[in-house]
Amino acid sequence: MKVSVALLLLCYLSITYGQENNQPNIWTEVRDVRDMVVELKVKLDMVMKENANMAQQIQELKKENAGITEQLKISENQLEAIKRENAEQPKVAFSADLGKRGDLGPQSTEITLTFNNIFTNTGNNYNPATGLFTAPVKGVYYFRFTACGVQIRQSLGASLHKNGQKIVSVGQWRNHDQHRYASNAAVLQLEVGDVVCVKLLPGYTIYDSPDNLSTFSGFLIFPL
């Protein structure tokens, strides 16, 4: 009986030993798996750090975009305000030529020159029939006029008037045998209904031709 048990035990150990020799080393596989897990953990940590950095950059970009969006809204509001202001501001401008072909004058008294060849009359505040500009709004205006003369024995002269008061003048004395030009300008503060015109000085002449040599212009710089 004891011999039989011993034999059986010997057979079992032989079989077990043979199986162990035929199977791979499990500890080697465990170490390989462990190394893979460690490597994956390192890579995962790197990816998570990169994702955290990207998330932070995204938040910064969102803040920057929010600031840009706010600036755009402010700029758009300012642009709309400027558009409304420009739309509400009156548009006033005119420019005209004397329209006469030849000489005018000399006269014994001042006469208002009617520049009736209209180039521009935005707002229709200049009357080409009377030569008068009437201010539609209180504001600061710019006016300029040019006079031409060709008569050898006559002098060239004209003046800018506001409500009948002489503001500035131009003039050239006689004895010129060629085209002569004289220009002047003024910036005036006008009230509603103030009148501005150009007058021919007594004893002086002015000349015009199809080349539009004698002109009168003005425009609103800004309202008050």
Protein backbone atom coordinates (compact mmCIF):
# COMPACT_ATOMS: atom_id res chain seq x y z
CA MET A 1 0.00 0.00 0.00
CA LYS A 2 2.75 2.45 0.93
CA VAL A 3 4.63 1.49 -2.22
CA SER A 4 1.56 2.22 -4.36
CA VAL A 5 1.08 5.69 -2.85
CA ALA A 6 4.73 6.50 -3.38
CA LEU A 7 4.53 5.43 -6.99
CA LEU A 8 1.42 7.52 -7.55
CA LEU A 9 3.08 10.57 -5.99
CA LEU A 10 6.14 10.06 -8.14
CA CYS A 11 3.99 9.84 -11.25
CA TYR A 12 2.13 13.04 -10.30
CA LEU A 13 5.31 14.97 -9.73
CA SER A 14 6.69 13.75 -13.05
CA ILE A 15 3.60 14.85 -14.90
CA THR A 16 3.51 18.23 -13.12
CA TYR A 17 7.16 18.87 -13.81
CA GLY A 18 6.67 18.07 -17.47
CA GLN A 19 3.73 20.49 -17.74
CA GLU A 20 5.71 23.26 -16.06
CA ASN A 21 8.56 22.77 -18.50
CA ASN A 22 6.16 22.94 -21.46
CA GLN A 23 4.35 26.17 -20.28
CA PRO A 24 5.83 29.72 -20.73
CA ASN A 25 7.26 31.58 -17.73
CA ILE A 26 4.26 33.43 -16.28
CA TRP A 27 6.41 35.85 -14.29
CA THR A 28 8.06 37.06 -17.46
CA GLU A 29 4.65 37.80 -18.98
CA VAL A 30 3.58 39.55 -15.80
CA ARG A 31 6.65 41.77 -15.94
CA ASP A 32 5.98 42.53 -19.62
CA VAL A 33 2.39 43.49 -18.84
CA ARG A 34 3.58 45.62 -15.93
CA ASP A 35 6.06 47.42 -18.17
CA MET A 36 3.34 48.04 -20.75
CA VAL A 37 1.04 49.43 -18.10
CA VAL A 38 3.77 51.75 -16.81
CA GLU A 39 4.53 52.94 -20.35
CA LEU A 40 0.84 53.50 -21.08
CA LYS A 41 0.46 55.40 -17.82
CA VAL A 42 3.37 57.67 -18.75
CA LYS A 43 1.87 58.29 -22.19
CA LEU A 44 -1.56 58.88 -20.64
CA ASP A 45 -0.09 61.43 -18.24
CA MET A 46 1.59 63.23 -21.17
CA VAL A 47 -1.67 63.26 -23.14
CA MET A 48 -3.59 64.55 -20.14
CA LYS A 49 -1.04 67.34 -19.62
CA GLU A 50 -1.26 68.27 -23.31
CA ASN A 51 -5.05 68.27 -23.10
CA ALA A 52 -4.89 70.47 -20.01
CA ASN A 53 -2.59 72.92 -21.83
CA MET A 54 -4.88 72.90 -24.85
CA ALA A 55 -7.90 73.49 -22.65
CA GLN A 56 -6.13 76.46 -21.05
CA GLN A 57 -5.20 77.85 -24.46
CA ILE A 58 -8.80 77.42 -25.60
CA GLN A 59 -10.03 79.35 -22.58
CA GLU A 60 -7.53 82.12 -23.28
CA LEU A 61 -8.62 82.24 -26.92
CA LYS A 62 -12.25 82.40 -25.82
CA LYS A 63 -11.44 85.35 -23.55
CA GLU A 64 -9.50 87.04 -26.35
CA ASN A 65 -12.33 86.45 -28.81
CA ALA A 66 -14.82 87.79 -26.28
CA GLY A 67 -12.72 90.95 -25.97
CA ILE A 68 -12.49 91.31 -29.76
CA THR A 69 -16.24 90.76 -30.07
CA GLU A 70 -16.88 93.45 -27.48
CA GLN A 71 -14.55 95.85 -29.29
CA LEU A 72 -16.35 95.10 -32.57
CA LYS A 73 -19.70 95.84 -30.93
CA ILE A 74 -18.34 99.14 -29.60
CA SER A 75 -16.92 100.02 -33.03
CA GLU A 76 -20.21 99.10 -34.71
CA ASN A 77 -22.14 101.26 -32.24
CA GLN A 78 -19.75 104.15 -32.84
CA LEU A 79 -20.08 103.70 -36.60
CA GLU A 80 -23.87 103.69 -36.33
CA ALA A 81 -23.72 106.85 -34.20
CA ILE A 82 -21.53 108.54 -36.82
CA LYS A 83 -23.90 107.42 -39.57
CA ARG A 84 -26.88 108.83 -37.68
CA GLU A 85 -25.00 112.06 -36.99
CA ASN A 86 -24.06 112.42 -40.65
CA ALA A 87 -27.59 111.59 -41.74
CA GLU A 88 -29.01 114.22 -39.38
CA GLN A 89 -26.45 116.88 -40.30
CA PRO A 90 -27.74 119.20 -43.04
CA LYS A 91 -25.98 118.96 -46.40
CA VAL A 92 -25.23 122.45 -47.70
CA ALA A 93 -22.90 123.24 -50.61
CA PHE A 94 -23.03 125.28 -53.80
CA SER A 95 -20.75 126.37 -56.61
CA ALA A 96 -21.64 128.51 -59.61
CA ASP A 97 -20.15 130.48 -62.46
CA LEU A 98 -21.18 134.02 -63.40
CA GLY A 99 -22.69 132.70 -66.61
CA LYS A 100 -22.07 135.96 -68.50
CA ARG A 101 -20.20 135.93 -71.77
CA GLY A 102 -18.22 139.16 -71.84
CA ASP A 103 -17.77 142.14 -69.50
CA LEU A 104 -20.08 143.41 -66.80
CA GLY A 105 -19.58 146.97 -65.53
CA PRO A 106 -18.45 149.46 -64.69
CA GLN A 107 -21.51 150.58 -62.70
CA SER A 108 -22.06 153.72 -60.66
CA THR A 109 -23.33 151.70 -57.67
CA GLU A 110 -22.76 148.29 -56.19
CA ILE A 111 -24.74 145.48 -57.81
CA THR A 112 -25.23 141.92 -56.59
CA LEU A 113 -23.65 139.46 -58.99
CA THR A 114 -25.91 136.62 -60.03
CA PHE A 115 -23.81 133.52 -60.59
CA ASN A 116 -26.44 131.59 -62.52
CA ASN A 117 -24.41 128.80 -64.15
CA ILE A 118 -24.84 126.24 -61.39
CA PHE A 119 -22.28 123.47 -60.84
CA THR A 120 -23.60 122.28 -57.47
CA ASN A 121 -26.47 123.45 -55.26
CA THR A 122 -26.96 120.82 -52.57
CA GLY A 123 -29.83 121.91 -50.36
CA ASN A 124 -30.90 124.62 -52.86
CA ASN A 125 -29.85 127.38 -50.49
CA TYR A 126 -28.21 129.45 -53.21
CA ASN A 127 -30.60 131.37 -55.47
CA PRO A 128 -29.11 131.80 -58.97
CA ALA A 129 -31.80 134.35 -59.88
CA THR A 130 -30.84 136.75 -57.08
CA GLY A 131 -27.24 135.68 -56.38
CA LEU A 132 -28.06 135.29 -52.67
CA PHE A 133 -27.10 132.40 -50.41
CA THR A 134 -29.39 132.02 -47.38
CA ALA A 135 -28.16 130.01 -44.40
CA PRO A 136 -30.57 127.17 -43.59
CA VAL A 137 -29.01 126.37 -40.18
CA LYS A 138 -26.81 128.08 -37.64
CA GLY A 139 -23.23 127.07 -38.30
CA VAL A 140 -19.78 127.86 -39.64
CA TYR A 141 -19.56 128.25 -43.41
CA TYR A 142 -16.77 128.65 -45.95
CA PHE A 143 -17.12 131.00 -48.96
CA ARG A 144 -14.76 131.68 -51.84
CA PHE A 145 -15.07 133.78 -54.99
CA THR A 146 -12.88 134.45 -58.02
CA ALA A 147 -13.20 137.39 -60.40
CA CYS A 148 -11.65 137.75 -63.85
CA GLY A 149 -11.05 140.97 -65.81
CA VAL A 150 -9.74 141.70 -69.31
CA GLN A 151 -10.51 145.37 -70.03
CA ILE A 152 -7.29 147.31 -70.48
CA ARG A 153 -8.65 150.67 -69.26
CA GLN A 154 -10.94 149.33 -66.53
CA SER A 155 -10.22 147.92 -63.06
CA LEU A 156 -11.30 144.55 -61.73
CA GLY A 157 -13.07 144.42 -58.35
CA ALA A 158 -15.67 142.51 -56.29
CA SER A 159 -16.49 141.96 -52.64
CA LEU A 160 -18.14 139.35 -50.38
CA HIS A 161 -21.04 140.60 -48.25
CA LYS A 162 -22.86 139.18 -45.23
CA ASN A 163 -26.26 140.75 -44.53
CA GLY A 164 -25.21 143.81 -46.52
CA GLN A 165 -21.88 144.20 -44.71
CA LYS A 166 -18.68 143.97 -46.73
CA ILE A 167 -16.43 141.18 -45.45
CA VAL A 168 -13.55 140.79 -47.95
CA SER A 169 -12.77 142.23 -51.37
CA VAL A 170 -10.55 141.69 -54.42
CA GLY A 171 -9.31 144.24 -56.92
CA GLN A 172 -6.72 144.96 -59.61
CA TRP A 173 -6.04 148.33 -61.16
CA ARG A 174 -6.36 149.13 -64.85
CA ASN A 175 -3.69 149.06 -67.58
CA HIS A 176 -3.40 145.29 -67.89
CA ASP A 177 -3.61 143.91 -71.43
CA GLN A 178 -4.21 140.27 -70.40
CA HIS A 179 -6.57 138.15 -68.33
CA ARG A 180 -6.40 139.09 -64.66
CA TYR A 181 -7.67 137.00 -61.76
CA ALA A 182 -8.32 137.82 -58.13
CA SER A 183 -9.66 135.47 -55.43
CA ASN A 184 -10.56 135.75 -51.79
CA ALA A 185 -12.31 133.65 -49.15
CA ALA A 186 -13.77 133.81 -45.67
CA VAL A 187 -15.03 131.50 -42.92
CA LEU A 188 -18.22 132.96 -41.44
CA GLN A 189 -20.48 132.04 -38.56
CA LEU A 190 -24.06 132.44 -39.75
CA GLU A 191 -27.43 132.37 -38.10
CA VAL A 192 -30.50 130.90 -39.75
CA GLY A 193 -31.62 133.30 -42.49
CA ASP A 194 -28.31 135.20 -42.82
CA VAL A 195 -27.58 136.19 -46.42
CA VAL A 196 -24.22 136.06 -48.22
CA CYS A 197 -23.49 137.33 -51.73
CA VAL A 198 -20.80 138.78 -54.00
CA LYS A 199 -21.15 142.35 -55.27
CA LEU A 200 -19.47 144.24 -58.09
CA LEU A 201 -17.69 147.32 -56.74
CA PRO A 202 -18.73 150.71 -58.18
CA GLY A 203 -16.56 151.71 -61.12
CA TYR A 204 -15.11 148.17 -61.49
CA THR A 205 -15.69 145.39 -64.02
CA ILE A 206 -15.80 141.61 -64.09
CA TYR A 207 -15.45 139.26 -67.04
CA ASP A 208 -16.59 135.73 -67.81
CA SER A 209 -16.47 133.33 -70.75
CA PRO A 210 -17.47 129.75 -71.60
CA ASP A 211 -14.35 128.73 -69.67
CA ASN A 212 -16.13 129.74 -66.42
CA LEU A 213 -13.55 132.24 -65.19
CA SER A 214 -15.55 134.04 -62.46
CA THR A 215 -17.05 131.81 -59.75
CA PHE A 216 -18.72 131.83 -56.33
CA SER A 217 -18.76 128.80 -53.98
CA GLY A 218 -19.62 127.96 -50.40
CA PHE A 219 -20.45 125.11 -48.05
CA LEU A 220 -21.33 124.33 -44.45
CA ILE A 221 -18.30 123.25 -42.42
CA PHE A 222 -20.29 122.23 -39.34
CA PRO A 223 -23.54 123.24 -37.66
CA LEU A 224 -23.68 124.91 -34.24
